[in-house]
Structure formats: structure tokens, C-alpha cells
Amino acid sequence: MAAQFLKFGVPMITLIVGGSFALKEFTEIKIRRRDEKGHALNKEEALEVLPHKKKQASLEEEYEAITKKLDIDNWENKRGPRPWEQ
């Protein structure tokens, strides 16, 4: 009986305990990598990465620039395809 425990029981218990520690280590590595990917930049890092604009445009100025480009008086209503008309 003791021989069977030494032959089958000890390796099984060793595998379960060792597997638990191995999974813990692999999970920690996975979580660390995920956190490094989603690392938020602080203000100084963000300023280094982002290009600087020379002039800050207001919403009103942007609206005026877009409306000058668009011709909203001449347009045509185009009907989209209906599911039963395909």
C-alpha cells in the first residue's frame, strides 16, 4: 500500500502543487504585460508624444471654415436601397 502511494500519490500531489505555483507565475506575467500595454501616459509623456498645434481654433472658427466649404443650397435627395428592393 505504501509502495502505491509512493508510486502514484506523491507524483500526483507534486504535479498538483507544482502546477498551482506555475499557473500563478504565468498569470502574473500575463497581468503585468496587459498592464504595460494599457499604461496611461502622464501629462509630460503625453506632451512629448503629441504634436503641438500652433494655433488653437475655437468651435465657432471651425464651424465657419466648414460651412464655407459646403454648398448646402444645392443638394439632391438620394434614396437608399430597401431590403426588399435588392
PDB file of N, CA and C in Angstrom:
ATOM      1  N   MET A   1       0.818  -1.190   0.000  1.00  0.00           N
ATOM      2  CA  MET A   1       0.000   0.000   0.000  1.00  0.00           C
ATOM      3  C   MET A   1       0.869   1.264   0.000  1.00  0.00           C
ATOM      4  N   ALA A   2       1.930   1.262   0.802  1.00  0.00           N
ATOM      5  CA  ALA A   2       2.821   2.413   0.854  1.00  0.00           C
ATOM      6  C   ALA A   2       3.565   2.561  -0.468  1.00  0.00           C
ATOM      7  N   ALA A   3       3.825   1.446  -1.129  1.00  0.00           N
ATOM      8  CA  ALA A   3       4.533   1.497  -2.409  1.00  0.00           C
ATOM      9  C   ALA A   3       3.663   2.156  -3.475  1.00  0.00           C
ATOM     10  N   GLN A   4       2.348   1.877  -3.457  1.00  0.00           N
ATOM     11  CA  GLN A   4       1.448   2.504  -4.430  1.00  0.00           C
ATOM     12  C   GLN A   4       1.351   4.005  -4.184  1.00  0.00           C
ATOM     13  N   PHE A   5       1.323   4.396  -2.903  1.00  0.00           N
ATOM     14  CA  PHE A   5       1.273   5.824  -2.607  1.00  0.00           C
ATOM     15  C   PHE A   5       2.537   6.515  -3.101  1.00  0.00           C
ATOM     16  N   LEU A   6       3.673   5.885  -2.891  1.00  0.00           N
ATOM     17  CA  LEU A   6       4.928   6.476  -3.362  1.00  0.00           C
ATOM     18  C   LEU A   6       5.011   6.484  -4.878  1.00  0.00           C
ATOM     19  N   LYS A   7       4.420   5.480  -5.520  1.00  0.00           N
ATOM     20  CA  LYS A   7       4.496   5.366  -6.977  1.00  0.00           C
ATOM     21  C   LYS A   7       3.508   6.305  -7.673  1.00  0.00           C
ATOM     22  N   PHE A   8       2.281   6.408  -7.123  1.00  0.00           N
ATOM     23  CA  PHE A   8       1.248   7.197  -7.800  1.00  0.00           C
ATOM     24  C   PHE A   8       0.847   8.461  -7.034  1.00  0.00           C
ATOM     25  N   GLY A   9       0.770   8.394  -5.726  1.00  0.00           N
ATOM     26  CA  GLY A   9       0.263   9.503  -4.920  1.00  0.00           C
ATOM     27  C   GLY A   9       1.207  10.679  -4.855  1.00  0.00           C
ATOM     28  N   VAL A  10       2.476  10.427  -4.562  1.00  0.00           N
ATOM     29  CA  VAL A  10       3.442  11.521  -4.432  1.00  0.00           C
ATOM     30  C   VAL A  10       3.617  12.277  -5.750  1.00  0.00           C
ATOM     31  N   PRO A  11       3.776  11.590  -6.909  1.00  0.00           N
ATOM     32  CA  PRO A  11       3.879  12.362  -8.164  1.00  0.00           C
ATOM     33  C   PRO A  11       2.609  13.167  -8.462  1.00  0.00           C
ATOM     34  N   MET A  12       1.447  12.623  -8.114  1.00  0.00           N
ATOM     35  CA  MET A  12       0.195  13.344  -8.373  1.00  0.00           C
ATOM     36  C   MET A  12       0.104  14.584  -7.499  1.00  0.00           C
ATOM     37  N   ILE A  13       0.422  14.458  -6.242  1.00  0.00           N
ATOM     38  CA  ILE A  13       0.380  15.610  -5.341  1.00  0.00           C
ATOM     39  C   ILE A  13       1.423  16.646  -5.768  1.00  0.00           C
ATOM     40  N   THR A  14       2.605  16.178  -6.151  1.00  0.00           N
ATOM     41  CA  THR A  14       3.658  17.083  -6.619  1.00  0.00           C
ATOM     42  C   THR A  14       3.210  17.825  -7.881  1.00  0.00           C
ATOM     43  N   LEU A  15       2.560  17.123  -8.790  1.00  0.00           N
ATOM     44  CA  LEU A  15       2.072  17.744 -10.022  1.00  0.00           C
ATOM     45  C   LEU A  15       1.009  18.799  -9.719  1.00  0.00           C
ATOM     46  N   ILE A  16       0.112  18.512  -8.824  1.00  0.00           N
ATOM     47  CA  ILE A  16      -0.958  19.470  -8.495  1.00  0.00           C
ATOM     48  C   ILE A  16      -0.383  20.709  -7.835  1.00  0.00           C
ATOM     49  N   VAL A  17       0.482  20.523  -6.834  1.00  0.00           N
ATOM     50  CA  VAL A  17       1.061  21.670  -6.125  1.00  0.00           C
ATOM     51  C   VAL A  17       1.986  22.457  -7.055  1.00  0.00           C
ATOM     52  N   GLY A  18       2.838  21.774  -7.806  1.00  0.00           N
ATOM     53  CA  GLY A  18       3.738  22.451  -8.739  1.00  0.00           C
ATOM     54  C   GLY A  18       2.973  23.176  -9.835  1.00  0.00           C
ATOM     55  N   GLY A  19       1.904  22.562 -10.337  1.00  0.00           N
ATOM     56  CA  GLY A  19       1.083  23.204 -11.363  1.00  0.00           C
ATOM     57  C   GLY A  19       0.418  24.462 -10.845  1.00  0.00           C
ATOM     58  N   SER A  20       0.015  24.432  -9.585  1.00  0.00           N
ATOM     59  CA  SER A  20      -0.605  25.610  -8.991  1.00  0.00           C
ATOM     60  C   SER A  20       0.378  26.772  -8.960  1.00  0.00           C
ATOM     61  N   PHE A  21       1.621  26.512  -8.525  1.00  0.00           N
ATOM     62  CA  PHE A  21       2.627  27.574  -8.496  1.00  0.00           C
ATOM     63  C   PHE A  21       2.975  28.049  -9.901  1.00  0.00           C
ATOM     64  N   ALA A  22       3.055  27.133 -10.851  1.00  0.00           N
ATOM     65  CA  ALA A  22       3.384  27.510 -12.232  1.00  0.00           C
ATOM     66  C   ALA A  22       2.280  28.385 -12.821  1.00  0.00           C
ATOM     67  N   LEU A  23       1.020  28.015 -12.597  1.00  0.00           N
ATOM     68  CA  LEU A  23      -0.085  28.825 -13.114  1.00  0.00           C
ATOM     69  C   LEU A  23      -0.102  30.210 -12.481  1.00  0.00           C
ATOM     70  N   LYS A  24       0.250  30.281 -11.213  1.00  0.00           N
ATOM     71  CA  LYS A  24       0.305  31.583 -10.541  1.00  0.00           C
ATOM     72  C   LYS A  24       1.341  32.474 -11.218  1.00  0.00           C
ATOM     73  N   GLU A  25       2.519  31.926 -11.508  1.00  0.00           N
ATOM     74  CA  GLU A  25       3.572  32.710 -12.150  1.00  0.00           C
ATOM     75  C   GLU A  25       3.163  33.149 -13.561  1.00  0.00           C
ATOM     76  N   PHE A  26       2.596  32.238 -14.342  1.00  0.00           N
ATOM     77  CA  PHE A  26       2.170  32.582 -15.698  1.00  0.00           C
ATOM     78  C   PHE A  26       1.071  33.643 -15.685  1.00  0.00           C
ATOM     79  N   THR A  27       0.167  33.554 -14.724  1.00  0.00           N
ATOM     80  CA  THR A  27      -0.904  34.541 -14.625  1.00  0.00           C
ATOM     81  C   THR A  27      -0.341  35.905 -14.264  1.00  0.00           C
ATOM     82  N   GLU A  28       0.628  35.961 -13.363  1.00  0.00           N
ATOM     83  CA  GLU A  28       1.231  37.240 -13.007  1.00  0.00           C
ATOM     84  C   GLU A  28       1.934  37.870 -14.207  1.00  0.00           C
ATOM     85  N   ILE A  29       2.618  37.065 -14.998  1.00  0.00           N
ATOM     86  CA  ILE A  29       3.292  37.578 -16.195  1.00  0.00           C
ATOM     87  C   ILE A  29       2.263  38.128 -17.180  1.00  0.00           C
ATOM     88  N   LYS A  30       1.163  37.403 -17.355  1.00  0.00           N
ATOM     89  CA  LYS A  30       0.113  37.842 -18.278  1.00  0.00           C
ATOM     90  C   LYS A  30      -0.484  39.166 -17.818  1.00  0.00           C
ATOM     91  N   ILE A  31      -0.750  39.298 -16.529  1.00  0.00           N
ATOM     92  CA  ILE A  31      -1.348  40.523 -16.000  1.00  0.00           C
ATOM     93  C   ILE A  31      -0.370  41.691 -16.125  1.00  0.00           C
ATOM     94  N   ARG A  32       0.921  41.451 -15.845  1.00  0.00           N
ATOM     95  CA  ARG A  32       1.920  42.510 -15.977  1.00  0.00           C
ATOM     96  C   ARG A  32       1.999  43.018 -17.414  1.00  0.00           C
ATOM     97  N   ARG A  33       1.991  42.115 -18.376  1.00  0.00           N
ATOM     98  CA  ARG A  33       2.052  42.535 -19.789  1.00  0.00           C
ATOM     99  C   ARG A  33       0.813  43.322 -20.191  1.00  0.00           C
ATOM    100  N   ARG A  34      -0.355  42.885 -19.721  1.00  0.00           N
ATOM    101  CA  ARG A  34      -1.589  43.597 -20.039  1.00  0.00           C
ATOM    102  C   ARG A  34      -1.561  45.001 -19.453  1.00  0.00           C
ATOM    103  N   ASP A  35      -1.057  45.142 -18.231  1.00  0.00           N
ATOM    104  CA  ASP A  35      -0.981  46.451 -17.602  1.00  0.00           C
ATOM    105  C   ASP A  35       0.011  47.367 -18.306  1.00  0.00           C
ATOM    106  N   GLU A  36       1.106  46.798 -18.806  1.00  0.00           N
ATOM    107  CA  GLU A  36       2.075  47.613 -19.527  1.00  0.00           C
ATOM    108  C   GLU A  36       1.498  48.127 -20.841  1.00  0.00           C
ATOM    109  N   LYS A  37       0.665  47.332 -21.498  1.00  0.00           N
ATOM    110  CA  LYS A  37       0.042  47.774 -22.754  1.00  0.00           C
ATOM    111  C   LYS A  37      -0.911  48.930 -22.508  1.00  0.00           C
ATOM    112  N   GLY A  38      -1.697  48.841 -21.448  1.00  0.00           N
ATOM    113  CA  GLY A  38      -2.705  49.855 -21.168  1.00  0.00           C
ATOM    114  C   GLY A  38      -2.204  50.966 -20.277  1.00  0.00           C
ATOM    115  N   HIS A  39      -0.902  51.115 -20.163  1.00  0.00           N
ATOM    116  CA  HIS A  39      -0.330  52.143 -19.287  1.00  0.00           C
ATOM    117  C   HIS A  39      -0.749  53.523 -19.768  1.00  0.00           C
ATOM    118  N   ALA A  40      -1.322  54.284 -18.874  1.00  0.00           N
ATOM    119  CA  ALA A  40      -1.753  55.631 -19.216  1.00  0.00           C
ATOM    120  C   ALA A  40      -0.559  56.571 -19.128  1.00  0.00           C
ATOM    121  N   LEU A  41      -0.478  57.465 -20.081  1.00  0.00           N
ATOM    122  CA  LEU A  41       0.611  58.433 -20.090  1.00  0.00           C
ATOM    123  C   LEU A  41       0.309  59.555 -19.111  1.00  0.00           C
ATOM    124  N   ASN A  42       1.326  60.031 -18.446  1.00  0.00           N
ATOM    125  CA  ASN A  42       1.119  61.209 -17.617  1.00  0.00           C
ATOM    126  C   ASN A  42       1.213  62.441 -18.511  1.00  0.00           C
ATOM    127  N   LYS A  43       1.041  63.610 -17.936  1.00  0.00           N
ATOM    128  CA  LYS A  43       0.938  64.822 -18.739  1.00  0.00           C
ATOM    129  C   LYS A  43       2.230  65.106 -19.514  1.00  0.00           C
ATOM    130  N   GLU A  44       3.378  64.906 -18.880  1.00  0.00           N
ATOM    131  CA  GLU A  44       4.646  65.193 -19.555  1.00  0.00           C
ATOM    132  C   GLU A  44       4.878  64.240 -20.728  1.00  0.00           C
ATOM    133  N   GLU A  45       4.577  62.955 -20.529  1.00  0.00           N
ATOM    134  CA  GLU A  45       4.752  61.986 -21.607  1.00  0.00           C
ATOM    135  C   GLU A  45       3.814  62.284 -22.768  1.00  0.00           C
ATOM    136  N   ALA A  46       2.589  62.672 -22.452  1.00  0.00           N
ATOM    137  CA  ALA A  46       1.615  62.975 -23.499  1.00  0.00           C
ATOM    138  C   ALA A  46       2.050  64.186 -24.310  1.00  0.00           C
ATOM    139  N   LEU A  47       2.598  65.175 -23.658  1.00  0.00           N
ATOM    140  CA  LEU A  47       3.049  66.365 -24.382  1.00  0.00           C
ATOM    141  C   LEU A  47       4.224  66.049 -25.287  1.00  0.00           C
ATOM    142  N   GLU A  48       5.069  65.103 -24.891  1.00  0.00           N
ATOM    143  CA  GLU A  48       6.194  64.720 -25.744  1.00  0.00           C
ATOM    144  C   GLU A  48       5.730  63.965 -26.979  1.00  0.00           C
ATOM    145  N   VAL A  49       4.685  63.152 -26.827  1.00  0.00           N
ATOM    146  CA  VAL A  49       4.227  62.299 -27.917  1.00  0.00           C
ATOM    147  C   VAL A  49       3.352  63.072 -28.907  1.00  0.00           C
ATOM    148  N   LEU A  50       2.461  63.895 -28.399  1.00  0.00           N
ATOM    149  CA  LEU A  50       1.500  64.583 -29.259  1.00  0.00           C
ATOM    150  C   LEU A  50       2.149  65.762 -29.970  1.00  0.00           C
ATOM    151  N   PRO A  51       1.781  65.971 -31.243  1.00  0.00           N
ATOM    152  CA  PRO A  51       2.294  67.148 -31.948  1.00  0.00           C
ATOM    153  C   PRO A  51       1.611  68.405 -31.407  1.00  0.00           C
ATOM    154  N   HIS A  52       2.361  69.472 -31.374  1.00  0.00           N
ATOM    155  CA  HIS A  52       1.812  70.724 -30.855  1.00  0.00           C
ATOM    156  C   HIS A  52       1.186  71.522 -31.987  1.00  0.00           C
ATOM    157  N   LYS A  53      -0.001  72.039 -31.728  1.00  0.00           N
ATOM    158  CA  LYS A  53      -0.643  72.923 -32.696  1.00  0.00           C
ATOM    159  C   LYS A  53      -0.151  74.341 -32.439  1.00  0.00           C
ATOM    160  N   LYS A  54       0.018  75.068 -33.516  1.00  0.00           N
ATOM    161  CA  LYS A  54       0.491  76.434 -33.366  1.00  0.00           C
ATOM    162  C   LYS A  54      -0.637  77.358 -32.936  1.00  0.00           C
ATOM    163  N   LYS A  55      -1.852  77.060 -33.413  1.00  0.00           N
ATOM    164  CA  LYS A  55      -2.979  77.918 -33.092  1.00  0.00           C
ATOM    165  C   LYS A  55      -4.133  77.050 -32.615  1.00  0.00           C
ATOM    166  N   GLN A  56      -4.713  77.408 -31.513  1.00  0.00           N
ATOM    167  CA  GLN A  56      -5.885  76.700 -31.013  1.00  0.00           C
ATOM    168  C   GLN A  56      -7.125  77.337 -31.653  1.00  0.00           C
ATOM    169  N   ALA A  57      -7.866  76.554 -32.418  1.00  0.00           N
ATOM    170  CA  ALA A  57      -9.054  77.065 -33.085  1.00  0.00           C
ATOM    171  C   ALA A  57     -10.264  76.839 -32.188  1.00  0.00           C
ATOM    172  N   SER A  58     -11.152  77.823 -32.186  1.00  0.00           N
ATOM    173  CA  SER A  58     -12.365  77.667 -31.391  1.00  0.00           C
ATOM    174  C   SER A  58     -13.410  76.925 -32.223  1.00  0.00           C
ATOM    175  N   LEU A  59     -14.449  76.493 -31.576  1.00  0.00           N
ATOM    176  CA  LEU A  59     -15.516  75.786 -32.280  1.00  0.00           C
ATOM    177  C   LEU A  59     -16.194  76.671 -33.322  1.00  0.00           C
ATOM    178  N   GLU A  60     -16.365  77.932 -32.991  1.00  0.00           N
ATOM    179  CA  GLU A  60     -17.011  78.845 -33.930  1.00  0.00           C
ATOM    180  C   GLU A  60     -16.171  79.020 -35.201  1.00  0.00           C
ATOM    181  N   GLU A  61     -14.850  79.133 -35.029  1.00  0.00           N
ATOM    182  CA  GLU A  61     -13.973  79.281 -36.200  1.00  0.00           C
ATOM    183  C   GLU A  61     -13.996  78.028 -37.061  1.00  0.00           C
ATOM    184  N   GLU A  62     -13.985  76.872 -36.439  1.00  0.00           N
ATOM    185  CA  GLU A  62     -14.055  75.622 -37.193  1.00  0.00           C
ATOM    186  C   GLU A  62     -15.389  75.502 -37.922  1.00  0.00           C
ATOM    187  N   TYR A  63     -16.470  75.882 -37.255  1.00  0.00           N
ATOM    188  CA  TYR A  63     -17.790  75.829 -37.880  1.00  0.00           C
ATOM    189  C   TYR A  63     -17.835  76.735 -39.108  1.00  0.00           C
ATOM    190  N   GLU A  64     -17.310  77.929 -38.992  1.00  0.00           N
ATOM    191  CA  GLU A  64     -17.284  78.866 -40.119  1.00  0.00           C
ATOM    192  C   GLU A  64     -16.467  78.304 -41.280  1.00  0.00           C
ATOM    193  N   ALA A  65     -15.325  77.680 -40.980  1.00  0.00           N
ATOM    194  CA  ALA A  65     -14.476  77.123 -42.039  1.00  0.00           C
ATOM    195  C   ALA A  65     -15.188  75.984 -42.762  1.00  0.00           C
ATOM    196  N   ILE A  66     -15.901  75.165 -42.032  1.00  0.00           N
ATOM    197  CA  ILE A  66     -16.607  74.038 -42.653  1.00  0.00           C
ATOM    198  C   ILE A  66     -17.790  74.527 -43.466  1.00  0.00           C
ATOM    199  N   THR A  67     -18.540  75.484 -42.950  1.00  0.00           N
ATOM    200  CA  THR A  67     -19.714  75.966 -43.684  1.00  0.00           C
ATOM    201  C   THR A  67     -19.315  76.723 -44.952  1.00  0.00           C
ATOM    202  N   LYS A  68     -18.136  77.311 -44.992  1.00  0.00           N
ATOM    203  CA  LYS A  68     -17.681  77.967 -46.224  1.00  0.00           C
ATOM    204  C   LYS A  68     -17.383  76.943 -47.308  1.00  0.00           C
ATOM    205  N   LYS A  69     -16.917  75.776 -46.921  1.00  0.00           N
ATOM    206  CA  LYS A  69     -16.594  74.732 -47.892  1.00  0.00           C
ATOM    207  C   LYS A  69     -17.840  74.045 -48.431  1.00  0.00           C
ATOM    208  N   LEU A  70     -18.886  73.953 -47.631  1.00  0.00           N
ATOM    209  CA  LEU A  70     -20.082  73.207 -48.037  1.00  0.00           C
ATOM    210  C   LEU A  70     -21.057  74.092 -48.793  1.00  0.00           C
ATOM    211  N   ASP A  71     -21.717  73.488 -49.769  1.00  0.00           N
ATOM    212  CA  ASP A  71     -22.780  74.181 -50.503  1.00  0.00           C
ATOM    213  C   ASP A  71     -24.092  73.521 -50.109  1.00  0.00           C
ATOM    214  N   ILE A  72     -24.775  74.104 -49.126  1.00  0.00           N
ATOM    215  CA  ILE A  72     -25.993  73.474 -48.615  1.00  0.00           C
ATOM    216  C   ILE A  72     -27.243  73.896 -49.382  1.00  0.00           C
ATOM    217  N   ASP A  73     -27.115  74.789 -50.360  1.00  0.00           N
ATOM    218  CA  ASP A  73     -28.280  75.213 -51.130  1.00  0.00           C
ATOM    219  C   ASP A  73     -28.566  74.274 -52.300  1.00  0.00           C
ATOM    220  N   ASN A  74     -27.569  73.630 -52.853  1.00  0.00           N
ATOM    221  CA  ASN A  74     -27.748  72.739 -53.994  1.00  0.00           C
ATOM    222  C   ASN A  74     -27.471  71.311 -53.551  1.00  0.00           C
ATOM    223  N   TRP A  75     -28.535  70.552 -53.396  1.00  0.00           N
ATOM    224  CA  TRP A  75     -28.388  69.168 -52.991  1.00  0.00           C
ATOM    225  C   TRP A  75     -29.482  68.329 -53.613  1.00  0.00           C
ATOM    226  N   GLU A  76     -29.279  67.041 -53.631  1.00  0.00           N
ATOM    227  CA  GLU A  76     -30.232  66.115 -54.232  1.00  0.00           C
ATOM    228  C   GLU A  76     -30.517  65.006 -53.221  1.00  0.00           C
ATOM    229  N   ASN A  77     -31.782  64.694 -53.054  1.00  0.00           N
ATOM    230  CA  ASN A  77     -32.171  63.634 -52.129  1.00  0.00           C
ATOM    231  C   ASN A  77     -31.981  62.287 -52.814  1.00  0.00           C
ATOM    232  N   LYS A  78     -31.086  61.449 -52.266  1.00  0.00           N
ATOM    233  CA  LYS A  78     -30.837  60.136 -52.831  1.00  0.00           C
ATOM    234  C   LYS A  78     -31.387  59.090 -51.877  1.00  0.00           C
ATOM    235  N   ARG A  79     -32.262  58.260 -52.405  1.00  0.00           N
ATOM    236  CA  ARG A  79     -32.902  57.244 -51.591  1.00  0.00           C
ATOM    237  C   ARG A  79     -32.017  56.006 -51.497  1.00  0.00           C
ATOM    238  N   GLY A  80     -31.837  55.519 -50.279  1.00  0.00           N
ATOM    239  CA  GLY A  80     -31.044  54.322 -50.062  1.00  0.00           C
ATOM    240  C   GLY A  80     -31.809  53.066 -50.433  1.00  0.00           C
ATOM    241  N   PRO A  81     -31.120  51.981 -50.719  1.00  0.00           N
ATOM    242  CA  PRO A  81     -31.805  50.736 -51.077  1.00  0.00           C
ATOM    243  C   PRO A  81     -32.559  50.155 -49.889  1.00  0.00           C
ATOM    244  N   ARG A  82     -33.752  49.635 -50.182  1.00  0.00           N
ATOM    245  CA  ARG A  82     -34.559  48.980 -49.152  1.00  0.00           C
ATOM    246  C   ARG A  82     -34.267  47.490 -49.180  1.00  0.00           C
ATOM    247  N   PRO A  83     -34.435  46.811 -48.062  1.00  0.00           N
ATOM    248  CA  PRO A  83     -34.112  45.373 -48.027  1.00  0.00           C
ATOM    249  C   PRO A  83     -34.920  44.569 -49.048  1.00  0.00           C
ATOM    250  N   TRP A  84     -36.140  44.959 -49.325  1.00  0.00           N
ATOM    251  CA  TRP A  84     -36.978  44.185 -50.251  1.00  0.00           C
ATOM    252  C   TRP A  84     -36.732  44.574 -51.711  1.00  0.00           C
ATOM    253  N   GLU A  85     -35.922  45.606 -51.954  1.00  0.00           N
ATOM    254  CA  GLU A  85     -35.650  46.044 -53.318  1.00  0.00           C
ATOM    255  C   GLU A  85     -34.330  45.526 -53.865  1.00  0.00           C
ATOM    256  N   GLN A  86     -33.628  44.703 -53.141  1.00  0.00           N
ATOM    257  CA  GLN A  86     -32.323  44.239 -53.605  1.00  0.00           C
ATOM    258  C   GLN A  86     -32.492  43.156 -54.546  1.00  0.00           C
TER     259      GLN A  86
END
